[in-house]
Amino acid sequence: MAEAQKRLSHTTLKRRQRFHPKRDVRPAVLAKANRLVISAAAFIGLSFLAIVILQALLG
């Protein structure tokens, strides 16, 4: 196992991907999309809890 890792040169290992303006989505757009997904998930979760509580109170 250790011998296989020694044979791999540094260039064969995947380098950290840098932001490419023409190819990649801008980091600000990704952050905005992440916020949108988190807020949508929170809204769905809270509405589910509200429905469960409402049914418990009425039923």
C-alpha atoms as a PDB file:
ATOM      1  CA  MET A   1       0.000   0.000   0.000  1.00  0.00           C
ATOM      2  CA  ALA A   2       2.723   2.467   0.950  1.00  0.00           C
ATOM      3  CA  GLU A   3       4.727   1.524  -2.145  1.00  0.00           C
ATOM      4  CA  ALA A   4       1.809   2.414  -4.431  1.00  0.00           C
ATOM      5  CA  GLN A   5       1.520   5.813  -2.799  1.00  0.00           C
ATOM      6  CA  LYS A   6       5.253   6.431  -3.227  1.00  0.00           C
ATOM      7  CA  ARG A   7       5.008   5.687  -6.964  1.00  0.00           C
ATOM      8  CA  LEU A   8       2.391   8.382  -7.514  1.00  0.00           C
ATOM      9  CA  SER A   9       4.067  11.626  -8.409  1.00  0.00           C
ATOM     10  CA  HIS A  10       2.750  14.951  -7.201  1.00  0.00           C
ATOM     11  CA  THR A  11       1.501  15.877 -10.689  1.00  0.00           C
ATOM     12  CA  THR A  12      -0.755  12.820 -10.963  1.00  0.00           C
ATOM     13  CA  LEU A  13      -2.646  13.786  -7.822  1.00  0.00           C
ATOM     14  CA  LYS A  14      -5.658  16.008  -8.425  1.00  0.00           C
ATOM     15  CA  ARG A  15      -4.821  19.634  -7.865  1.00  0.00           C
ATOM     16  CA  ARG A  16      -7.130  22.083  -6.155  1.00  0.00           C
ATOM     17  CA  GLN A  17      -9.549  23.453  -8.700  1.00  0.00           C
ATOM     18  CA  ARG A  18      -9.219  27.173  -9.255  1.00  0.00           C
ATOM     19  CA  PHE A  19     -12.043  29.480 -10.308  1.00  0.00           C
ATOM     20  CA  HIS A  20     -12.159  29.840 -14.097  1.00  0.00           C
ATOM     21  CA  PRO A  21     -14.219  32.912 -15.120  1.00  0.00           C
ATOM     22  CA  LYS A  22     -15.369  31.613 -18.514  1.00  0.00           C
ATOM     23  CA  ARG A  23     -16.091  28.024 -17.496  1.00  0.00           C
ATOM     24  CA  ASP A  24     -17.272  28.091 -13.888  1.00  0.00           C
ATOM     25  CA  VAL A  25     -20.203  29.601 -12.056  1.00  0.00           C
ATOM     26  CA  ARG A  26     -19.237  32.615  -9.991  1.00  0.00           C
ATOM     27  CA  PRO A  27     -18.832  31.915  -6.251  1.00  0.00           C
ATOM     28  CA  ALA A  28     -21.394  34.620  -5.409  1.00  0.00           C
ATOM     29  CA  VAL A  29     -23.992  32.846  -7.567  1.00  0.00           C
ATOM     30  CA  LEU A  30     -23.236  29.571  -5.807  1.00  0.00           C
ATOM     31  CA  ALA A  31     -23.591  31.211  -2.402  1.00  0.00           C
ATOM     32  CA  LYS A  32     -26.932  32.734  -3.417  1.00  0.00           C
ATOM     33  CA  ALA A  33     -28.162  29.355  -4.675  1.00  0.00           C
ATOM     34  CA  ASN A  34     -27.057  27.697  -1.425  1.00  0.00           C
ATOM     35  CA  ARG A  35     -28.990  30.279   0.596  1.00  0.00           C
ATOM     36  CA  LEU A  36     -32.069  29.690  -1.576  1.00  0.00           C
ATOM     37  CA  VAL A  37     -31.889  25.918  -1.071  1.00  0.00           C
ATOM     38  CA  ILE A  38     -31.428  26.280   2.685  1.00  0.00           C
ATOM     39  CA  SER A  39     -34.336  28.716   3.004  1.00  0.00           C
ATOM     40  CA  ALA A  40     -36.607  26.482   0.893  1.00  0.00           C
ATOM     41  CA  ALA A  41     -35.710  23.444   3.021  1.00  0.00           C
ATOM     42  CA  ALA A  42     -36.384  25.433   6.200  1.00  0.00           C
ATOM     43  CA  PHE A  43     -39.769  26.584   4.855  1.00  0.00           C
ATOM     44  CA  ILE A  44     -40.766  23.006   3.957  1.00  0.00           C
ATOM     45  CA  GLY A  45     -39.642  21.711   7.348  1.00  0.00           C
ATOM     46  CA  LEU A  46     -41.453  24.422   9.287  1.00  0.00           C
ATOM     47  CA  SER A  47     -44.663  23.993   7.311  1.00  0.00           C
ATOM     48  CA  PHE A  48     -44.516  20.233   7.914  1.00  0.00           C
ATOM     49  CA  LEU A  49     -44.147  20.856  11.652  1.00  0.00           C
ATOM     50  CA  ALA A  50     -47.020  23.347  11.586  1.00  0.00           C
ATOM     51  CA  ILE A  51     -49.294  20.820   9.867  1.00  0.00           C
ATOM     52  CA  VAL A  52     -48.363  18.097  12.380  1.00  0.00           C
ATOM     53  CA  ILE A  53     -49.008  20.421  15.341  1.00  0.00           C
ATOM     54  CA  LEU A  54     -52.294  21.629  13.853  1.00  0.00           C
ATOM     55  CA  GLN A  55     -53.506  18.053  13.334  1.00  0.00           C
ATOM     56  CA  ALA A  56     -52.482  17.163  16.894  1.00  0.00           C
ATOM     57  CA  LEU A  57     -54.459  20.106  18.281  1.00  0.00           C
ATOM     58  CA  LEU A  58     -57.558  19.459  16.165  1.00  0.00           C
ATOM     59  CA  GLY A  59     -57.583  15.682  16.112  1.00  0.00           C
END
